[in-house]
Each structure stands twice: as C-alpha cells, then as structure tokens.
Amino acid sequence: MSNAVTKTLDSLKERGGLKGVDVANIAKVSKATVTRWSAGTHSPQPRTQLVLSDLRYVVDKLAEFYAPDEVREWINSRNELLDGRRAIDLVHDGETELVLEAIERLGDMAYI
C-alpha cells in the first residue's frame, strides 16, 4: 500500500540517504514504528507527520547542494551554520526555519 507517508519515507531515503533509524531518531519513535509506517500498516500522529513533512522539505533543499550520503551526514552532524546544533534536533523541536536559513546561507556561499 502506497500512501503519502510511505512516499515521504521513500523520498527521504532516495534524496537524503536517510535510513529508518535516522527517521526514528528525528521523530523520536522506534525503528519498528518507522517500519510499520513504511509498510503502510500504521500512520504517524499529526505532530509527527508535520516533522516528517518538514524533514522532507529540508532534505529536498539540501539535495540541491549535496549527494544523498552527504545530506544524511549534514542533517545528523553538529553544524557551524546552526551554532553547533544538529538539524535533526531542530527539525524535531519545530525549529525548521533555522535549518532552512542555514541552507539558504549555503546557497549564498556557493556564489562567493
């Protein structure tokens, strides 16, 4: 069964190199829960759906600059553009705008 959540998870894997464990860490759920979402047998709570939606948007923006394995590393690593914080934590905490601002600065630096 394919639905919006499974399509989002597929996109996160393809464009962002993210694994189930990465999504589980960002959404603060178990890897088994992510597996059930992928199978289409369960759906995330509305708040978690928003986190996944934001994460997909971030991954799509990062994919303009990086290969999938680099996107995964960028999201999971502490980042100078985020004042030493990790994008996964900020997205989970609803601070996606800070991540998007950092990505925009990546674009600005590309033209320097």
PDB file of N, CA and C in Angstrom:
ATOM      1  N   MET A   1       0.844  -1.171   0.000  1.00  0.00           N
ATOM      2  CA  MET A   1       0.000   0.000   0.000  1.00  0.00           C
ATOM      3  C   MET A   1       0.891   1.237   0.000  1.00  0.00           C
ATOM      4  N   SER A   2       0.653   2.105  -0.944  1.00  0.00           N
ATOM      5  CA  SER A   2       1.431   3.332  -1.018  1.00  0.00           C
ATOM      6  C   SER A   2       0.546   4.498  -0.598  1.00  0.00           C
ATOM      7  N   ASN A   3       1.057   5.297   0.318  1.00  0.00           N
ATOM      8  CA  ASN A   3       0.322   6.478   0.741  1.00  0.00           C
ATOM      9  C   ASN A   3       1.311   7.627   0.883  1.00  0.00           C
ATOM     10  N   ALA A   4       0.829   8.762   1.330  1.00  0.00           N
ATOM     11  CA  ALA A   4       1.688   9.945   1.424  1.00  0.00           C
ATOM     12  C   ALA A   4       2.877   9.704   2.353  1.00  0.00           C
ATOM     13  N   VAL A   5       2.667   9.007   3.443  1.00  0.00           N
ATOM     14  CA  VAL A   5       3.752   8.769   4.399  1.00  0.00           C
ATOM     15  C   VAL A   5       4.815   7.865   3.783  1.00  0.00           C
ATOM     16  N   THR A   6       4.389   6.795   3.124  1.00  0.00           N
ATOM     17  CA  THR A   6       5.381   5.910   2.515  1.00  0.00           C
ATOM     18  C   THR A   6       6.140   6.633   1.411  1.00  0.00           C
ATOM     19  N   LYS A   7       5.458   7.488   0.664  1.00  0.00           N
ATOM     20  CA  LYS A   7       6.141   8.269  -0.377  1.00  0.00           C
ATOM     21  C   LYS A   7       7.151   9.229   0.246  1.00  0.00           C
ATOM     22  N   THR A   8       6.785   9.830   1.370  1.00  0.00           N
ATOM     23  CA  THR A   8       7.717  10.722   2.071  1.00  0.00           C
ATOM     24  C   THR A   8       8.935   9.938   2.543  1.00  0.00           C
ATOM     25  N   LEU A   9       8.716   8.783   3.139  1.00  0.00           N
ATOM     26  CA  LEU A   9       9.831   7.970   3.620  1.00  0.00           C
ATOM     27  C   LEU A   9      10.722   7.514   2.467  1.00  0.00           C
ATOM     28  N   ASP A  10      10.119   7.134   1.347  1.00  0.00           N
ATOM     29  CA  ASP A  10      10.900   6.752   0.170  1.00  0.00           C
ATOM     30  C   ASP A  10      11.753   7.915  -0.320  1.00  0.00           C
ATOM     31  N   SER A  11      11.174   9.104  -0.326  1.00  0.00           N
ATOM     32  CA  SER A  11      11.909  10.291  -0.768  1.00  0.00           C
ATOM     33  C   SER A  11      13.067  10.600   0.173  1.00  0.00           C
ATOM     34  N   LEU A  12      12.834  10.464   1.471  1.00  0.00           N
ATOM     35  CA  LEU A  12      13.899  10.708   2.452  1.00  0.00           C
ATOM     36  C   LEU A  12      15.056   9.744   2.239  1.00  0.00           C
ATOM     37  N   LYS A  13      14.730   8.519   1.880  1.00  0.00           N
ATOM     38  CA  LYS A  13      15.760   7.515   1.626  1.00  0.00           C
ATOM     39  C   LYS A  13      16.515   7.828   0.333  1.00  0.00           C
ATOM     40  N   GLU A  14      15.780   8.118  -0.727  1.00  0.00           N
ATOM     41  CA  GLU A  14      16.391   8.338  -2.036  1.00  0.00           C
ATOM     42  C   GLU A  14      17.171   9.655  -2.109  1.00  0.00           C
ATOM     43  N   ARG A  15      16.557  10.735  -1.697  1.00  0.00           N
ATOM     44  CA  ARG A  15      17.173  12.060  -1.852  1.00  0.00           C
ATOM     45  C   ARG A  15      18.105  12.430  -0.701  1.00  0.00           C
ATOM     46  N   GLY A  16      17.794  11.873   0.492  1.00  0.00           N
ATOM     47  CA  GLY A  16      18.574  12.253   1.656  1.00  0.00           C
ATOM     48  C   GLY A  16      19.450  11.157   2.221  1.00  0.00           C
ATOM     49  N   GLY A  17      19.384   9.975   1.641  1.00  0.00           N
ATOM     50  CA  GLY A  17      20.190   8.877   2.147  1.00  0.00           C
ATOM     51  C   GLY A  17      19.809   8.457   3.556  1.00  0.00           C
ATOM     52  N   LEU A  18      18.635   8.884   4.012  1.00  0.00           N
ATOM     53  CA  LEU A  18      18.234   8.591   5.389  1.00  0.00           C
ATOM     54  C   LEU A  18      17.767   7.148   5.523  1.00  0.00           C
ATOM     55  N   LYS A  19      18.096   6.574   6.650  1.00  0.00           N
ATOM     56  CA  LYS A  19      17.693   5.214   6.974  1.00  0.00           C
ATOM     57  C   LYS A  19      16.560   5.276   7.986  1.00  0.00           C
ATOM     58  N   GLY A  20      15.935   4.132   8.197  1.00  0.00           N
ATOM     59  CA  GLY A  20      14.845   4.081   9.168  1.00  0.00           C
ATOM     60  C   GLY A  20      15.260   4.576  10.536  1.00  0.00           C
ATOM     61  N   VAL A  21      16.477   4.264  10.927  1.00  0.00           N
ATOM     62  CA  VAL A  21      16.961   4.696  12.241  1.00  0.00           C
ATOM     63  C   VAL A  21      17.083   6.223  12.307  1.00  0.00           C
ATOM     64  N   ASP A  22      17.448   6.854  11.187  1.00  0.00           N
ATOM     65  CA  ASP A  22      17.530   8.320  11.165  1.00  0.00           C
ATOM     66  C   ASP A  22      16.154   8.938  11.365  1.00  0.00           C
ATOM     67  N   VAL A  23      15.180   8.411  10.632  1.00  0.00           N
ATOM     68  CA  VAL A  23      13.809   8.919  10.753  1.00  0.00           C
ATOM     69  C   VAL A  23      13.296   8.668  12.163  1.00  0.00           C
ATOM     70  N   ALA A  24      13.597   7.488  12.710  1.00  0.00           N
ATOM     71  CA  ALA A  24      13.174   7.179  14.078  1.00  0.00           C
ATOM     72  C   ALA A  24      13.776   8.172  15.070  1.00  0.00           C
ATOM     73  N   ASN A  25      15.051   8.497  14.897  1.00  0.00           N
ATOM     74  CA  ASN A  25      15.703   9.451  15.801  1.00  0.00           C
ATOM     75  C   ASN A  25      15.075  10.833  15.704  1.00  0.00           C
ATOM     76  N   ILE A  26      14.789  11.273  14.492  1.00  0.00           N
ATOM     77  CA  ILE A  26      14.207  12.604  14.310  1.00  0.00           C
ATOM     78  C   ILE A  26      12.785  12.656  14.860  1.00  0.00           C
ATOM     79  N   ALA A  27      12.015  11.601  14.586  1.00  0.00           N
ATOM     80  CA  ALA A  27      10.619  11.572  15.026  1.00  0.00           C
ATOM     81  C   ALA A  27      10.463  11.138  16.486  1.00  0.00           C
ATOM     82  N   LYS A  28      11.572  10.660  17.080  1.00  0.00           N
ATOM     83  CA  LYS A  28      11.560  10.183  18.475  1.00  0.00           C
ATOM     84  C   LYS A  28      10.579   9.019  18.642  1.00  0.00           C
ATOM     85  N   VAL A  29      10.698   8.064  17.706  1.00  0.00           N
ATOM     86  CA  VAL A  29       9.928   6.829  17.772  1.00  0.00           C
ATOM     87  C   VAL A  29      10.894   5.667  17.564  1.00  0.00           C
ATOM     88  N   SER A  30      10.394   4.450  17.672  1.00  0.00           N
ATOM     89  CA  SER A  30      11.250   3.281  17.458  1.00  0.00           C
ATOM     90  C   SER A  30      11.422   3.024  15.961  1.00  0.00           C
ATOM     91  N   LYS A  31      12.484   2.309  15.637  1.00  0.00           N
ATOM     92  CA  LYS A  31      12.708   1.936  14.240  1.00  0.00           C
ATOM     93  C   LYS A  31      11.572   1.042  13.749  1.00  0.00           C
ATOM     94  N   ALA A  32      11.035   0.203  14.631  1.00  0.00           N
ATOM     95  CA  ALA A  32       9.908  -0.665  14.274  1.00  0.00           C
ATOM     96  C   ALA A  32       8.685   0.159  13.863  1.00  0.00           C
ATOM     97  N   THR A  33       8.486   1.282  14.522  1.00  0.00           N
ATOM     98  CA  THR A  33       7.368   2.162  14.161  1.00  0.00           C
ATOM     99  C   THR A  33       7.553   2.705  12.749  1.00  0.00           C
ATOM    100  N   VAL A  34       8.777   3.107  12.431  1.00  0.00           N
ATOM    101  CA  VAL A  34       9.060   3.609  11.084  1.00  0.00           C
ATOM    102  C   VAL A  34       8.840   2.500  10.057  1.00  0.00           C
ATOM    103  N   THR A  35       9.206   1.281  10.400  1.00  0.00           N
ATOM    104  CA  THR A  35       8.984   0.147   9.504  1.00  0.00           C
ATOM    105  C   THR A  35       7.494  -0.052   9.244  1.00  0.00           C
ATOM    106  N   ARG A  36       6.670   0.094  10.271  1.00  0.00           N
ATOM    107  CA  ARG A  36       5.215  -0.024  10.087  1.00  0.00           C
ATOM    108  C   ARG A  36       4.679   1.098   9.209  1.00  0.00           C
ATOM    109  N   TRP A  37       5.228   2.315   9.378  1.00  0.00           N
ATOM    110  CA  TRP A  37       4.812   3.416   8.500  1.00  0.00           C
ATOM    111  C   TRP A  37       5.176   3.099   7.054  1.00  0.00           C
ATOM    112  N   SER A  38       6.386   2.588   6.855  1.00  0.00           N
ATOM    113  CA  SER A  38       6.864   2.256   5.504  1.00  0.00           C
ATOM    114  C   SER A  38       5.992   1.191   4.849  1.00  0.00           C
ATOM    115  N   ALA A  39       5.532   0.255   5.648  1.00  0.00           N
ATOM    116  CA  ALA A  39       4.683  -0.812   5.137  1.00  0.00           C
ATOM    117  C   ALA A  39       3.251  -0.341   4.889  1.00  0.00           C
ATOM    118  N   GLY A  40       2.925   0.839   5.425  1.00  0.00           N
ATOM    119  CA  GLY A  40       1.586   1.379   5.247  1.00  0.00           C
ATOM    120  C   GLY A  40       0.559   0.796   6.195  1.00  0.00           C
ATOM    121  N   THR A  41       1.026   0.091   7.222  1.00  0.00           N
ATOM    122  CA  THR A  41       0.096  -0.531   8.166  1.00  0.00           C
ATOM    123  C   THR A  41      -0.282   0.398   9.313  1.00  0.00           C
ATOM    124  N   HIS A  42       0.516   1.414   9.537  1.00  0.00           N
ATOM    125  CA  HIS A  42       0.246   2.403  10.580  1.00  0.00           C
ATOM    126  C   HIS A  42       0.579   3.790  10.032  1.00  0.00           C
ATOM    127  N   SER A  43       0.041   4.797  10.690  1.00  0.00           N
ATOM    128  CA  SER A  43       0.334   6.185  10.308  1.00  0.00           C
ATOM    129  C   SER A  43       0.849   6.943  11.517  1.00  0.00           C
ATOM    130  N   PRO A  44       1.727   7.905  11.272  1.00  0.00           N
ATOM    131  CA  PRO A  44       2.217   8.721  12.392  1.00  0.00           C
ATOM    132  C   PRO A  44       1.127   9.657  12.926  1.00  0.00           C
ATOM    133  N   GLN A  45       1.330  10.082  14.151  1.00  0.00           N
ATOM    134  CA  GLN A  45       0.453  11.078  14.746  1.00  0.00           C
ATOM    135  C   GLN A  45       0.578  12.391  13.957  1.00  0.00           C
ATOM    136  N   PRO A  46      -0.426  13.256  14.009  1.00  0.00           N
ATOM    137  CA  PRO A  46      -0.365  14.514  13.240  1.00  0.00           C
ATOM    138  C   PRO A  46       0.894  15.340  13.498  1.00  0.00           C
ATOM    139  N   ARG A  47       1.333  15.453  14.737  1.00  0.00           N
ATOM    140  CA  ARG A  47       2.546  16.224  15.054  1.00  0.00           C
ATOM    141  C   ARG A  47       3.754  15.601  14.366  1.00  0.00           C
ATOM    142  N   THR A  48       3.821  14.285  14.368  1.00  0.00           N
ATOM    143  CA  THR A  48       4.935  13.585  13.729  1.00  0.00           C
ATOM    144  C   THR A  48       4.860  13.726  12.218  1.00  0.00           C
ATOM    145  N   GLN A  49       3.662  13.763  11.661  1.00  0.00           N
ATOM    146  CA  GLN A  49       3.512  13.988  10.227  1.00  0.00           C
ATOM    147  C   GLN A  49       4.087  15.349   9.834  1.00  0.00           C
ATOM    148  N   LEU A  50       3.895  16.335  10.688  1.00  0.00           N
ATOM    149  CA  LEU A  50       4.470  17.659  10.423  1.00  0.00           C
ATOM    150  C   LEU A  50       5.997  17.609  10.448  1.00  0.00           C
ATOM    151  N   VAL A  51       6.546  16.867  11.400  1.00  0.00           N
ATOM    152  CA  VAL A  51       8.004  16.721  11.474  1.00  0.00           C
ATOM    153  C   VAL A  51       8.518  16.053  10.203  1.00  0.00           C
ATOM    154  N   LEU A  52       7.856  14.990   9.762  1.00  0.00           N
ATOM    155  CA  LEU A  52       8.283  14.298   8.540  1.00  0.00           C
ATOM    156  C   LEU A  52       8.167  15.204   7.315  1.00  0.00           C
ATOM    157  N   SER A  53       7.121  15.993   7.270  1.00  0.00           N
ATOM    158  CA  SER A  53       6.941  16.923   6.161  1.00  0.00           C
ATOM    159  C   SER A  53       8.053  17.969   6.142  1.00  0.00           C
ATOM    160  N   ASP A  54       8.367  18.516   7.303  1.00  0.00           N
ATOM    161  CA  ASP A  54       9.466  19.486   7.395  1.00  0.00           C
ATOM    162  C   ASP A  54      10.795  18.843   7.014  1.00  0.00           C
ATOM    163  N   LEU A  55      10.999  17.626   7.484  1.00  0.00           N
ATOM    164  CA  LEU A  55      12.238  16.919   7.172  1.00  0.00           C
ATOM    165  C   LEU A  55      12.371  16.707   5.668  1.00  0.00           C
ATOM    166  N   ARG A  56      11.295  16.337   5.023  1.00  0.00           N
ATOM    167  CA  ARG A  56      11.342  16.138   3.568  1.00  0.00           C
ATOM    168  C   ARG A  56      11.698  17.445   2.858  1.00  0.00           C
ATOM    169  N   TYR A  57      11.135  18.537   3.313  1.00  0.00           N
ATOM    170  CA  TYR A  57      11.435  19.836   2.713  1.00  0.00           C
ATOM    171  C   TYR A  57      12.913  20.178   2.891  1.00  0.00           C
ATOM    172  N   VAL A  58      13.436  19.949   4.076  1.00  0.00           N
ATOM    173  CA  VAL A  58      14.859  20.198   4.358  1.00  0.00           C
ATOM    174  C   VAL A  58      15.724  19.321   3.463  1.00  0.00           C
ATOM    175  N   VAL A  59      15.384  18.050   3.360  1.00  0.00           N
ATOM    176  CA  VAL A  59      16.155  17.129   2.518  1.00  0.00           C
ATOM    177  C   VAL A  59      16.121  17.586   1.061  1.00  0.00           C
ATOM    178  N   ASP A  60      14.960  17.987   0.584  1.00  0.00           N
ATOM    179  CA  ASP A  60      14.857  18.460  -0.801  1.00  0.00           C
ATOM    180  C   ASP A  60      15.751  19.676  -1.040  1.00  0.00           C
ATOM    181  N   LYS A  61      15.807  20.579  -0.089  1.00  0.00           N
ATOM    182  CA  LYS A  61      16.666  21.765  -0.216  1.00  0.00           C
ATOM    183  C   LYS A  61      18.141  21.379  -0.180  1.00  0.00           C
ATOM    184  N   LEU A  62      18.511  20.497   0.730  1.00  0.00           N
ATOM    185  CA  LEU A  62      19.906  20.062   0.827  1.00  0.00           C
ATOM    186  C   LEU A  62      20.344  19.278  -0.417  1.00  0.00           C
ATOM    187  N   ALA A  63      19.410  18.567  -1.028  1.00  0.00           N
ATOM    188  CA  ALA A  63      19.723  17.778  -2.222  1.00  0.00           C
ATOM    189  C   ALA A  63      20.142  18.667  -3.397  1.00  0.00           C
ATOM    190  N   GLU A  64      19.851  19.952  -3.308  1.00  0.00           N
ATOM    191  CA  GLU A  64      20.310  20.896  -4.341  1.00  0.00           C
ATOM    192  C   GLU A  64      21.823  21.102  -4.262  1.00  0.00           C
ATOM    193  N   PHE A  65      22.414  20.803  -3.109  1.00  0.00           N
ATOM    194  CA  PHE A  65      23.839  21.031  -2.881  1.00  0.00           C
ATOM    195  C   PHE A  65      24.649  19.752  -2.706  1.00  0.00           C
ATOM    196  N   TYR A  66      24.020  18.705  -2.200  1.00  0.00           N
ATOM    197  CA  TYR A  66      24.753  17.520  -1.778  1.00  0.00           C
ATOM    198  C   TYR A  66      24.167  16.236  -2.346  1.00  0.00           C
ATOM    199  N   ALA A  67      25.005  15.204  -2.403  1.00  0.00           N
ATOM    200  CA  ALA A  67      24.573  13.846  -2.710  1.00  0.00           C
ATOM    201  C   ALA A  67      23.856  13.283  -1.481  1.00  0.00           C
ATOM    202  N   PRO A  68      23.042  12.233  -1.661  1.00  0.00           N
ATOM    203  CA  PRO A  68      22.276  11.699  -0.529  1.00  0.00           C
ATOM    204  C   PRO A  68      23.095  11.368   0.720  1.00  0.00           C
ATOM    205  N   ASP A  69      24.266  10.748   0.572  1.00  0.00           N
ATOM    206  CA  ASP A  69      25.056  10.414   1.759  1.00  0.00           C
ATOM    207  C   ASP A  69      25.554  11.668   2.465  1.00  0.00           C
ATOM    208  N   GLU A  70      25.815  12.731   1.696  1.00  0.00           N
ATOM    209  CA  GLU A  70      26.240  13.998   2.295  1.00  0.00           C
ATOM    210  C   GLU A  70      25.077  14.695   2.989  1.00  0.00           C
ATOM    211  N   VAL A  71      23.878  14.575   2.428  1.00  0.00           N
ATOM    212  CA  VAL A  71      22.686  15.137   3.079  1.00  0.00           C
ATOM    213  C   VAL A  71      22.501  14.478   4.444  1.00  0.00           C
ATOM    214  N   ARG A  72      22.609  13.157   4.473  1.00  0.00           N
ATOM    215  CA  ARG A  72      22.454  12.417   5.732  1.00  0.00           C
ATOM    216  C   ARG A  72      23.469  12.889   6.772  1.00  0.00           C
ATOM    217  N   GLU A  73      24.700  13.042   6.347  1.00  0.00           N
ATOM    218  CA  GLU A  73      25.732  13.497   7.275  1.00  0.00           C
ATOM    219  C   GLU A  73      25.435  14.912   7.775  1.00  0.00           C
ATOM    220  N   TRP A  74      25.040  15.809   6.872  1.00  0.00           N
ATOM    221  CA  TRP A  74      24.757  17.204   7.226  1.00  0.00           C
ATOM    222  C   TRP A  74      23.638  17.268   8.259  1.00  0.00           C
ATOM    223  N   ILE A  75      22.599  16.496   8.055  1.00  0.00           N
ATOM    224  CA  ILE A  75      21.446  16.514   8.966  1.00  0.00           C
ATOM    225  C   ILE A  75      21.803  15.967  10.345  1.00  0.00           C
ATOM    226  N   ASN A  76      22.658  14.964  10.384  1.00  0.00           N
ATOM    227  CA  ASN A  76      22.979  14.288  11.649  1.00  0.00           C
ATOM    228  C   ASN A  76      24.153  14.886  12.411  1.00  0.00           C
ATOM    229  N   SER A  77      24.916  15.768  11.779  1.00  0.00           N
ATOM    230  CA  SER A  77      26.126  16.308  12.406  1.00  0.00           C
ATOM    231  C   SER A  77      25.879  17.690  13.007  1.00  0.00           C
ATOM    232  N   ARG A  78      26.677  17.989  14.007  1.00  0.00           N
ATOM    233  CA  ARG A  78      26.676  19.368  14.513  1.00  0.00           C
ATOM    234  C   ARG A  78      27.186  20.265  13.397  1.00  0.00           C
ATOM    235  N   ASN A  79      26.606  21.448  13.300  1.00  0.00           N
ATOM    236  CA  ASN A  79      26.898  22.291  12.156  1.00  0.00           C
ATOM    237  C   ASN A  79      27.196  23.711  12.605  1.00  0.00           C
ATOM    238  N   GLU A  80      28.268  24.254  12.075  1.00  0.00           N
ATOM    239  CA  GLU A  80      28.652  25.624  12.407  1.00  0.00           C
ATOM    240  C   GLU A  80      27.563  26.620  12.022  1.00  0.00           C
ATOM    241  N   LEU A  81      26.892  26.370  10.898  1.00  0.00           N
ATOM    242  CA  LEU A  81      25.818  27.267  10.457  1.00  0.00           C
ATOM    243  C   LEU A  81      24.610  27.227  11.386  1.00  0.00           C
ATOM    244  N   LEU A  82      24.553  26.213  12.232  1.00  0.00           N
ATOM    245  CA  LEU A  82      23.464  26.072  13.200  1.00  0.00           C
ATOM    246  C   LEU A  82      23.969  26.281  14.624  1.00  0.00           C
ATOM    247  N   ASP A  83      25.052  27.006  14.752  1.00  0.00           N
ATOM    248  CA  ASP A  83      25.659  27.287  16.058  1.00  0.00           C
ATOM    249  C   ASP A  83      25.966  26.014  16.837  1.00  0.00           C
ATOM    250  N   GLY A  84      26.481  25.013  16.118  1.00  0.00           N
ATOM    251  CA  GLY A  84      26.888  23.777  16.755  1.00  0.00           C
ATOM    252  C   GLY A  84      25.764  22.793  17.027  1.00  0.00           C
ATOM    253  N   ARG A  85      24.570  23.137  16.607  1.00  0.00           N
ATOM    254  CA  ARG A  85      23.444  22.227  16.816  1.00  0.00           C
ATOM    255  C   ARG A  85      23.280  21.302  15.615  1.00  0.00           C
ATOM    256  N   ARG A  86      22.453  20.283  15.779  1.00  0.00           N
ATOM    257  CA  ARG A  86      22.197  19.326  14.701  1.00  0.00           C
ATOM    258  C   ARG A  86      20.827  19.606  14.089  1.00  0.00           C
ATOM    259  N   ALA A  87      20.750  19.516  12.769  1.00  0.00           N
ATOM    260  CA  ALA A  87      19.490  19.773  12.068  1.00  0.00           C
ATOM    261  C   ALA A  87      18.386  18.832  12.538  1.00  0.00           C
ATOM    262  N   ILE A  88      18.722  17.566  12.818  1.00  0.00           N
ATOM    263  CA  ILE A  88      17.677  16.629  13.238  1.00  0.00           C
ATOM    264  C   ILE A  88      16.995  17.082  14.528  1.00  0.00           C
ATOM    265  N   ASP A  89      17.766  17.644  15.436  1.00  0.00           N
ATOM    266  CA  ASP A  89      17.195  18.119  16.697  1.00  0.00           C
ATOM    267  C   ASP A  89      16.308  19.335  16.465  1.00  0.00           C
ATOM    268  N   LEU A  90      16.773  20.235  15.621  1.00  0.00           N
ATOM    269  CA  LEU A  90      16.000  21.447  15.346  1.00  0.00           C
ATOM    270  C   LEU A  90      14.694  21.134  14.631  1.00  0.00           C
ATOM    271  N   VAL A  91      14.739  20.230  13.658  1.00  0.00           N
ATOM    272  CA  VAL A  91      13.512  19.848  12.952  1.00  0.00           C
ATOM    273  C   VAL A  91      12.532  19.207  13.931  1.00  0.00           C
ATOM    274  N   HIS A  92      13.024  18.315  14.765  1.00  0.00           N
ATOM    275  CA  HIS A  92      12.136  17.678  15.747  1.00  0.00           C
ATOM    276  C   HIS A  92      11.513  18.704  16.686  1.00  0.00           C
ATOM    277  N   ASP A  93      12.280  19.696  17.076  1.00  0.00           N
ATOM    278  CA  ASP A  93      11.804  20.699  18.031  1.00  0.00           C
ATOM    279  C   ASP A  93      10.978  21.805  17.385  1.00  0.00           C
ATOM    280  N   GLY A  94      10.682  21.660  16.099  1.00  0.00           N
ATOM    281  CA  GLY A  94       9.847  22.653  15.420  1.00  0.00           C
ATOM    282  C   GLY A  94      10.590  23.902  15.000  1.00  0.00           C
ATOM    283  N   GLU A  95      11.911  23.826  14.952  1.00  0.00           N
ATOM    284  CA  GLU A  95      12.727  24.982  14.574  1.00  0.00           C
ATOM    285  C   GLU A  95      13.308  24.811  13.170  1.00  0.00           C
ATOM    286  N   THR A  96      12.483  24.308  12.276  1.00  0.00           N
ATOM    287  CA  THR A  96      12.909  24.053  10.903  1.00  0.00           C
ATOM    288  C   THR A  96      13.358  25.332  10.203  1.00  0.00           C
ATOM    289  N   GLU A  97      12.761  26.447  10.544  1.00  0.00           N
ATOM    290  CA  GLU A  97      13.137  27.722   9.903  1.00  0.00           C
ATOM    291  C   GLU A  97      14.625  28.024  10.087  1.00  0.00           C
ATOM    292  N   LEU A  98      15.176  27.695  11.253  1.00  0.00           N
ATOM    293  CA  LEU A  98      16.610  27.912  11.480  1.00  0.00           C
ATOM    294  C   LEU A  98      17.453  27.056  10.535  1.00  0.00           C
ATOM    295  N   VAL A  99      16.996  25.840  10.301  1.00  0.00           N
ATOM    296  CA  VAL A  99      17.701  24.938   9.385  1.00  0.00           C
ATOM    297  C   VAL A  99      17.618  25.477   7.964  1.00  0.00           C
ATOM    298  N   LEU A 100      16.438  25.936   7.578  1.00  0.00           N
ATOM    299  CA  LEU A 100      16.264  26.472   6.226  1.00  0.00           C
ATOM    300  C   LEU A 100      17.087  27.739   6.012  1.00  0.00           C
ATOM    301  N   GLU A 101      17.212  28.559   7.038  1.00  0.00           N
ATOM    302  CA  GLU A 101      18.064  29.752   6.938  1.00  0.00           C
ATOM    303  C   GLU A 101      19.521  29.349   6.726  1.00  0.00           C
ATOM    304  N   ALA A 102      19.964  28.307   7.416  1.00  0.00           N
ATOM    305  CA  ALA A 102      21.342  27.820   7.249  1.00  0.00           C
ATOM    306  C   ALA A 102      21.550  27.297   5.835  1.00  0.00           C
ATOM    307  N   ILE A 103      20.567  26.586   5.308  1.00  0.00           N
ATOM    308  CA  ILE A 103      20.670  26.068   3.945  1.00  0.00           C
ATOM    309  C   ILE A 103      20.703  27.212   2.947  1.00  0.00           C
ATOM    310  N   GLU A 104      19.942  28.249   3.201  1.00  0.00           N
ATOM    311  CA  GLU A 104      19.975  29.426   2.334  1.00  0.00           C
ATOM    312  C   GLU A 104      21.361  30.059   2.329  1.00  0.00           C
ATOM    313  N   ARG A 105      22.013  30.060   3.482  1.00  0.00           N
ATOM    314  CA  ARG A 105      23.382  30.587   3.539  1.00  0.00           C
ATOM    315  C   ARG A 105      24.338  29.719   2.731  1.00  0.00           C
ATOM    316  N   LEU A 106      24.063  28.418   2.656  1.00  0.00           N
ATOM    317  CA  LEU A 106      24.863  27.546   1.785  1.00  0.00           C
ATOM    318  C   LEU A 106      24.787  28.037   0.347  1.00  0.00           C
ATOM    319  N   GLY A 107      23.575  28.385  -0.073  1.00  0.00           N
ATOM    320  CA  GLY A 107      23.397  28.909  -1.420  1.00  0.00           C
ATOM    321  C   GLY A 107      24.123  30.217  -1.638  1.00  0.00           C
ATOM    322  N   ASP A 108      24.107  31.082  -0.632  1.00  0.00           N
ATOM    323  CA  ASP A 108      24.818  32.347  -0.724  1.00  0.00           C
ATOM    324  C   ASP A 108      26.319  32.120  -0.848  1.00  0.00           C
ATOM    325  N   MET A 109      26.832  31.129  -0.111  1.00  0.00           N
ATOM    326  CA  MET A 109      28.267  30.844  -0.144  1.00  0.00           C
ATOM    327  C   MET A 109      28.683  30.227  -1.483  1.00  0.00           C
ATOM    328  N   ALA A 110      27.749  29.596  -2.167  1.00  0.00           N
ATOM    329  CA  ALA A 110      28.072  28.969  -3.450  1.00  0.00           C
ATOM    330  C   ALA A 110      28.446  30.001  -4.509  1.00  0.00           C
ATOM    331  N   TYR A 111      28.026  31.237  -4.305  1.00  0.00           N
ATOM    332  CA  TYR A 111      28.286  32.269  -5.299  1.00  0.00           C
ATOM    333  C   TYR A 111      29.450  33.171  -4.921  1.00  0.00           C
ATOM    334  N   ILE A 112      30.114  32.877  -3.815  1.00  0.00           N
ATOM    335  CA  ILE A 112      31.222  33.720  -3.372  1.00  0.00           C
ATOM    336  C   ILE A 112      32.473  33.342  -4.130  1.00  0.00           C
TER     337      ILE A 112
END
